[in-house]
Amino acid sequence: MTGEVEKEDDGVIVIRRIHVMYLLKAGEEHGETIERVHDFHADKCPVYRSICGSIDITTDYELEG
């Protein structure tokens, strides 16, 4: 996971962006399922739903077979 912070005009540092990178260990035969789940998983995540309005959150994955 990586994040980007910015300093506000009043000197307070705030989180602006978070990028989550999943490293998945699975066979290629699971690729379609992984893609399908990745497409909707954030909408079912309580943390994402709590902060997505104020912090830009992106996700990606790498399949390691």
PDB file of N, CA and C in Angstrom:
ATOM      1  N   MET A   1       0.851  -1.148   0.000  1.00  0.00           N
ATOM      2  CA  MET A   1       0.000   0.000   0.000  1.00  0.00           C
ATOM      3  C   MET A   1       0.906   1.222   0.000  1.00  0.00           C
ATOM      4  N   THR A   2       0.542   2.180  -0.809  1.00  0.00           N
ATOM      5  CA  THR A   2       1.239   3.453  -0.824  1.00  0.00           C
ATOM      6  C   THR A   2       0.221   4.559  -0.616  1.00  0.00           C
ATOM      7  N   GLY A   3       0.690   5.654  -0.105  1.00  0.00           N
ATOM      8  CA  GLY A   3      -0.194   6.782   0.121  1.00  0.00           C
ATOM      9  C   GLY A   3       0.510   8.074  -0.236  1.00  0.00           C
ATOM     10  N   GLU A   4      -0.262   9.081  -0.523  1.00  0.00           N
ATOM     11  CA  GLU A   4       0.272  10.407  -0.814  1.00  0.00           C
ATOM     12  C   GLU A   4      -0.339  11.388   0.165  1.00  0.00           C
ATOM     13  N   VAL A   5       0.516  12.183   0.750  1.00  0.00           N
ATOM     14  CA  VAL A   5       0.049  13.195   1.690  1.00  0.00           C
ATOM     15  C   VAL A   5       0.392  14.573   1.141  1.00  0.00           C
ATOM     16  N   GLU A   6      -0.362  15.546   1.567  1.00  0.00           N
ATOM     17  CA  GLU A   6      -0.132  16.936   1.184  1.00  0.00           C
ATOM     18  C   GLU A   6      -0.256  17.805   2.420  1.00  0.00           C
ATOM     19  N   LYS A   7       0.462  18.874   2.422  1.00  0.00           N
ATOM     20  CA  LYS A   7       0.379  19.821   3.531  1.00  0.00           C
ATOM     21  C   LYS A   7      -0.648  20.882   3.181  1.00  0.00           C
ATOM     22  N   GLU A   8      -1.588  21.080   4.080  1.00  0.00           N
ATOM     23  CA  GLU A   8      -2.598  22.118   3.926  1.00  0.00           C
ATOM     24  C   GLU A   8      -1.958  23.486   4.144  1.00  0.00           C
ATOM     25  N   ASP A   9      -2.677  24.536   3.784  1.00  0.00           N
ATOM     26  CA  ASP A   9      -2.180  25.899   3.971  1.00  0.00           C
ATOM     27  C   ASP A   9      -1.833  26.204   5.425  1.00  0.00           C
ATOM     28  N   ASP A  10      -2.539  25.570   6.361  1.00  0.00           N
ATOM     29  CA  ASP A  10      -2.272  25.830   7.778  1.00  0.00           C
ATOM     30  C   ASP A  10      -1.201  24.899   8.357  1.00  0.00           C
ATOM     31  N   GLY A  11      -0.532  24.120   7.480  1.00  0.00           N
ATOM     32  CA  GLY A  11       0.573  23.273   7.904  1.00  0.00           C
ATOM     33  C   GLY A  11       0.194  21.866   8.319  1.00  0.00           C
ATOM     34  N   VAL A  12      -1.090  21.546   8.315  1.00  0.00           N
ATOM     35  CA  VAL A  12      -1.529  20.203   8.690  1.00  0.00           C
ATOM     36  C   VAL A  12      -1.340  19.261   7.503  1.00  0.00           C
ATOM     37  N   ILE A  13      -0.747  18.102   7.763  1.00  0.00           N
ATOM     38  CA  ILE A  13      -0.553  17.099   6.713  1.00  0.00           C
ATOM     39  C   ILE A  13      -1.801  16.222   6.657  1.00  0.00           C
ATOM     40  N   VAL A  14      -2.330  16.011   5.450  1.00  0.00           N
ATOM     41  CA  VAL A  14      -3.521  15.187   5.266  1.00  0.00           C
ATOM     42  C   VAL A  14      -3.256  14.131   4.197  1.00  0.00           C
ATOM     43  N   ILE A  15      -3.919  12.996   4.331  1.00  0.00           N
ATOM     44  CA  ILE A  15      -3.820  11.927   3.337  1.00  0.00           C
ATOM     45  C   ILE A  15      -4.755  12.268   2.187  1.00  0.00           C
ATOM     46  N   ARG A  16      -4.234  12.268   0.973  1.00  0.00           N
ATOM     47  CA  ARG A  16      -5.053  12.587  -0.202  1.00  0.00           C
ATOM     48  C   ARG A  16      -5.364  11.350  -1.049  1.00  0.00           C
ATOM     49  N   ARG A  17      -4.390  10.442  -1.165  1.00  0.00           N
ATOM     50  CA  ARG A  17      -4.558   9.285  -2.026  1.00  0.00           C
ATOM     51  C   ARG A  17      -3.940   8.047  -1.375  1.00  0.00           C
ATOM     52  N   ILE A  18      -4.607   6.913  -1.584  1.00  0.00           N
ATOM     53  CA  ILE A  18      -4.090   5.611  -1.148  1.00  0.00           C
ATOM     54  C   ILE A  18      -4.205   4.662  -2.333  1.00  0.00           C
ATOM     55  N   HIS A  19      -3.121   3.923  -2.582  1.00  0.00           N
ATOM     56  CA  HIS A  19      -3.162   2.888  -3.622  1.00  0.00           C
ATOM     57  C   HIS A  19      -2.817   1.560  -2.964  1.00  0.00           C
ATOM     58  N   VAL A  20      -3.725   0.597  -3.094  1.00  0.00           N
ATOM     59  CA  VAL A  20      -3.534  -0.731  -2.518  1.00  0.00           C
ATOM     60  C   VAL A  20      -3.173  -1.687  -3.645  1.00  0.00           C
ATOM     61  N   MET A  21      -2.069  -2.419  -3.464  1.00  0.00           N
ATOM     62  CA  MET A  21      -1.623  -3.399  -4.445  1.00  0.00           C
ATOM     63  C   MET A  21      -1.696  -4.777  -3.797  1.00  0.00           C
ATOM     64  N   TYR A  22      -2.548  -5.634  -4.333  1.00  0.00           N
ATOM     65  CA  TYR A  22      -2.683  -6.993  -3.829  1.00  0.00           C
ATOM     66  C   TYR A  22      -1.737  -7.907  -4.598  1.00  0.00           C
ATOM     67  N   LEU A  23      -1.008  -8.740  -3.898  1.00  0.00           N
ATOM     68  CA  LEU A  23      -0.192  -9.780  -4.513  1.00  0.00           C
ATOM     69  C   LEU A  23      -0.900 -11.095  -4.227  1.00  0.00           C
ATOM     70  N   LEU A  24      -1.499 -11.663  -5.257  1.00  0.00           N
ATOM     71  CA  LEU A  24      -2.321 -12.860  -5.096  1.00  0.00           C
ATOM     72  C   LEU A  24      -1.583 -14.083  -5.619  1.00  0.00           C
ATOM     73  N   LYS A  25      -1.596 -15.139  -4.836  1.00  0.00           N
ATOM     74  CA  LYS A  25      -0.984 -16.395  -5.248  1.00  0.00           C
ATOM     75  C   LYS A  25      -2.106 -17.336  -5.632  1.00  0.00           C
ATOM     76  N   ALA A  26      -2.257 -17.543  -6.941  1.00  0.00           N
ATOM     77  CA  ALA A  26      -3.317 -18.410  -7.454  1.00  0.00           C
ATOM     78  C   ALA A  26      -2.953 -18.827  -8.866  1.00  0.00           C
ATOM     79  N   GLY A  27      -3.541 -19.893  -9.300  1.00  0.00           N
ATOM     80  CA  GLY A  27      -3.320 -20.364 -10.655  1.00  0.00           C
ATOM     81  C   GLY A  27      -4.047 -19.496 -11.671  1.00  0.00           C
ATOM     82  N   GLU A  28      -3.552 -19.525 -12.890  1.00  0.00           N
ATOM     83  CA  GLU A  28      -4.164 -18.752 -13.987  1.00  0.00           C
ATOM     84  C   GLU A  28      -5.634 -19.094 -14.179  1.00  0.00           C
ATOM     85  N   GLU A  29      -6.032 -20.310 -13.838  1.00  0.00           N
ATOM     86  CA  GLU A  29      -7.426 -20.716 -14.021  1.00  0.00           C
ATOM     87  C   GLU A  29      -8.378 -19.918 -13.133  1.00  0.00           C
ATOM     88  N   HIS A  30      -7.854 -19.210 -12.149  1.00  0.00           N
ATOM     89  CA  HIS A  30      -8.681 -18.396 -11.262  1.00  0.00           C
ATOM     90  C   HIS A  30      -8.722 -16.925 -11.691  1.00  0.00           C
ATOM     91  N   GLY A  31      -8.080 -16.615 -12.803  1.00  0.00           N
ATOM     92  CA  GLY A  31      -7.962 -15.235 -13.263  1.00  0.00           C
ATOM     93  C   GLY A  31      -9.290 -14.519 -13.443  1.00  0.00           C
ATOM     94  N   GLU A  32     -10.265 -15.180 -14.059  1.00  0.00           N
ATOM     95  CA  GLU A  32     -11.567 -14.544 -14.298  1.00  0.00           C
ATOM     96  C   GLU A  32     -12.281 -14.243 -12.986  1.00  0.00           C
ATOM     97  N   THR A  33     -12.218 -15.172 -12.051  1.00  0.00           N
ATOM     98  CA  THR A  33     -12.855 -14.965 -10.752  1.00  0.00           C
ATOM     99  C   THR A  33     -12.188 -13.817 -10.010  1.00  0.00           C
ATOM    100  N   ILE A  34     -10.870 -13.786 -10.033  1.00  0.00           N
ATOM    101  CA  ILE A  34     -10.132 -12.716  -9.363  1.00  0.00           C
ATOM    102  C   ILE A  34     -10.501 -11.361  -9.957  1.00  0.00           C
ATOM    103  N   GLU A  35     -10.555 -11.272 -11.256  1.00  0.00           N
ATOM    104  CA  GLU A  35     -10.909 -10.012 -11.924  1.00  0.00           C
ATOM    105  C   GLU A  35     -12.317  -9.575 -11.537  1.00  0.00           C
ATOM    106  N   ARG A  36     -13.245 -10.508 -11.527  1.00  0.00           N
ATOM    107  CA  ARG A  36     -14.637 -10.195 -11.191  1.00  0.00           C
ATOM    108  C   ARG A  36     -14.744  -9.684  -9.752  1.00  0.00           C
ATOM    109  N   VAL A  37     -14.091 -10.368  -8.822  1.00  0.00           N
ATOM    110  CA  VAL A  37     -14.138  -9.963  -7.423  1.00  0.00           C
ATOM    111  C   VAL A  37     -13.435  -8.619  -7.229  1.00  0.00           C
ATOM    112  N   HIS A  38     -12.311  -8.432  -7.900  1.00  0.00           N
ATOM    113  CA  HIS A  38     -11.580  -7.163  -7.780  1.00  0.00           C
ATOM    114  C   HIS A  38     -12.441  -5.994  -8.244  1.00  0.00           C
ATOM    115  N   ASP A  39     -13.253  -6.213  -9.249  1.00  0.00           N
ATOM    116  CA  ASP A  39     -14.091  -5.142  -9.786  1.00  0.00           C
ATOM    117  C   ASP A  39     -15.127  -4.623  -8.781  1.00  0.00           C
ATOM    118  N   PHE A  40     -15.582  -5.458  -7.843  1.00  0.00           N
ATOM    119  CA  PHE A  40     -16.615  -4.986  -6.922  1.00  0.00           C
ATOM    120  C   PHE A  40     -16.220  -5.016  -5.447  1.00  0.00           C
ATOM    121  N   HIS A  41     -15.057  -5.520  -5.110  1.00  0.00           N
ATOM    122  CA  HIS A  41     -14.748  -5.726  -3.694  1.00  0.00           C
ATOM    123  C   HIS A  41     -14.719  -4.436  -2.871  1.00  0.00           C
ATOM    124  N   ALA A  42     -14.257  -3.337  -3.438  1.00  0.00           N
ATOM    125  CA  ALA A  42     -14.160  -2.094  -2.663  1.00  0.00           C
ATOM    126  C   ALA A  42     -15.524  -1.622  -2.168  1.00  0.00           C
ATOM    127  N   ASP A  43     -16.539  -1.801  -2.994  1.00  0.00           N
ATOM    128  CA  ASP A  43     -17.877  -1.362  -2.601  1.00  0.00           C
ATOM    129  C   ASP A  43     -18.432  -2.134  -1.411  1.00  0.00           C
ATOM    130  N   LYS A  44     -17.857  -3.278  -1.108  1.00  0.00           N
ATOM    131  CA  LYS A  44     -18.296  -4.093   0.031  1.00  0.00           C
ATOM    132  C   LYS A  44     -17.367  -3.945   1.237  1.00  0.00           C
ATOM    133  N   CYS A  45     -16.360  -3.083   1.133  1.00  0.00           N
ATOM    134  CA  CYS A  45     -15.372  -2.899   2.196  1.00  0.00           C
ATOM    135  C   CYS A  45     -15.781  -1.730   3.096  1.00  0.00           C
ATOM    136  N   PRO A  46     -15.950  -1.965   4.399  1.00  0.00           N
ATOM    137  CA  PRO A  46     -16.372  -0.885   5.299  1.00  0.00           C
ATOM    138  C   PRO A  46     -15.364   0.267   5.376  1.00  0.00           C
ATOM    139  N   VAL A  47     -14.076  -0.044   5.334  1.00  0.00           N
ATOM    140  CA  VAL A  47     -13.068   1.023   5.392  1.00  0.00           C
ATOM    141  C   VAL A  47     -13.152   1.890   4.146  1.00  0.00           C
ATOM    142  N   TYR A  48     -13.214   1.263   2.982  1.00  0.00           N
ATOM    143  CA  TYR A  48     -13.342   2.012   1.727  1.00  0.00           C
ATOM    144  C   TYR A  48     -14.582   2.892   1.746  1.00  0.00           C
ATOM    145  N   ARG A  49     -15.691   2.311   2.133  1.00  0.00           N
ATOM    146  CA  ARG A  49     -16.952   3.062   2.133  1.00  0.00           C
ATOM    147  C   ARG A  49     -16.923   4.211   3.121  1.00  0.00           C
ATOM    148  N   SER A  50     -16.157   4.079   4.193  1.00  0.00           N
ATOM    149  CA  SER A  50     -16.084   5.128   5.206  1.00  0.00           C
ATOM    150  C   SER A  50     -15.262   6.318   4.763  1.00  0.00           C
ATOM    151  N   ILE A  51     -14.203   6.092   3.972  1.00  0.00           N
ATOM    152  CA  ILE A  51     -13.290   7.192   3.657  1.00  0.00           C
ATOM    153  C   ILE A  51     -13.219   7.568   2.186  1.00  0.00           C
ATOM    154  N   CYS A  52     -13.924   6.860   1.305  1.00  0.00           N
ATOM    155  CA  CYS A  52     -13.779   7.111  -0.129  1.00  0.00           C
ATOM    156  C   CYS A  52     -14.235   8.509  -0.547  1.00  0.00           C
ATOM    157  N   GLY A  53     -15.074   9.138   0.229  1.00  0.00           N
ATOM    158  CA  GLY A  53     -15.521  10.484  -0.116  1.00  0.00           C
ATOM    159  C   GLY A  53     -14.469  11.553   0.119  1.00  0.00           C
ATOM    160  N   SER A  54     -13.494  11.240   0.956  1.00  0.00           N
ATOM    161  CA  SER A  54     -12.490  12.247   1.284  1.00  0.00           C
ATOM    162  C   SER A  54     -11.075  11.877   0.845  1.00  0.00           C
ATOM    163  N   ILE A  55     -10.838  10.603   0.562  1.00  0.00           N
ATOM    164  CA  ILE A  55      -9.520  10.142   0.123  1.00  0.00           C
ATOM    165  C   ILE A  55      -9.700   9.323  -1.149  1.00  0.00           C
ATOM    166  N   ASP A  56      -8.905   9.629  -2.170  1.00  0.00           N
ATOM    167  CA  ASP A  56      -8.951   8.878  -3.423  1.00  0.00           C
ATOM    168  C   ASP A  56      -8.268   7.536  -3.200  1.00  0.00           C
ATOM    169  N   ILE A  57      -9.009   6.441  -3.360  1.00  0.00           N
ATOM    170  CA  ILE A  57      -8.477   5.106  -3.125  1.00  0.00           C
ATOM    171  C   ILE A  57      -8.537   4.309  -4.426  1.00  0.00           C
ATOM    172  N   THR A  58      -7.402   3.741  -4.809  1.00  0.00           N
ATOM    173  CA  THR A  58      -7.343   2.876  -5.985  1.00  0.00           C
ATOM    174  C   THR A  58      -6.751   1.536  -5.573  1.00  0.00           C
ATOM    175  N   THR A  59      -7.099   0.500  -6.341  1.00  0.00           N
ATOM    176  CA  THR A  59      -6.562  -0.828  -6.078  1.00  0.00           C
ATOM    177  C   THR A  59      -6.123  -1.470  -7.379  1.00  0.00           C
ATOM    178  N   ASP A  60      -5.189  -2.373  -7.256  1.00  0.00           N
ATOM    179  CA  ASP A  60      -4.710  -3.152  -8.383  1.00  0.00           C
ATOM    180  C   ASP A  60      -4.247  -4.486  -7.818  1.00  0.00           C
ATOM    181  N   TYR A  61      -3.991  -5.435  -8.669  1.00  0.00           N
ATOM    182  CA  TYR A  61      -3.480  -6.705  -8.186  1.00  0.00           C
ATOM    183  C   TYR A  61      -2.478  -7.289  -9.176  1.00  0.00           C
ATOM    184  N   GLU A  62      -1.652  -8.143  -8.631  1.00  0.00           N
ATOM    185  CA  GLU A  62      -0.692  -8.898  -9.439  1.00  0.00           C
ATOM    186  C   GLU A  62      -0.920 -10.355  -9.107  1.00  0.00           C
ATOM    187  N   LEU A  63      -1.088 -11.163 -10.129  1.00  0.00           N
ATOM    188  CA  LEU A  63      -1.330 -12.579  -9.942  1.00  0.00           C
ATOM    189  C   LEU A  63      -0.004 -13.323 -10.028  1.00  0.00           C
ATOM    190  N   GLU A  64       0.324 -13.993  -8.947  1.00  0.00           N
ATOM    191  CA  GLU A  64       1.559 -14.772  -8.881  1.00  0.00           C
ATOM    192  C   GLU A  64       1.173 -16.234  -8.864  1.00  0.00           C
ATOM    193  N   GLY A  65       1.474 -16.942  -9.923  1.00  0.00           N
ATOM    194  CA  GLY A  65       1.031 -18.322 -10.040  1.00  0.00           C
ATOM    195  C   GLY A  65       2.064 -19.284  -9.638  1.00  0.00           C
TER     196      GLY A  65
END
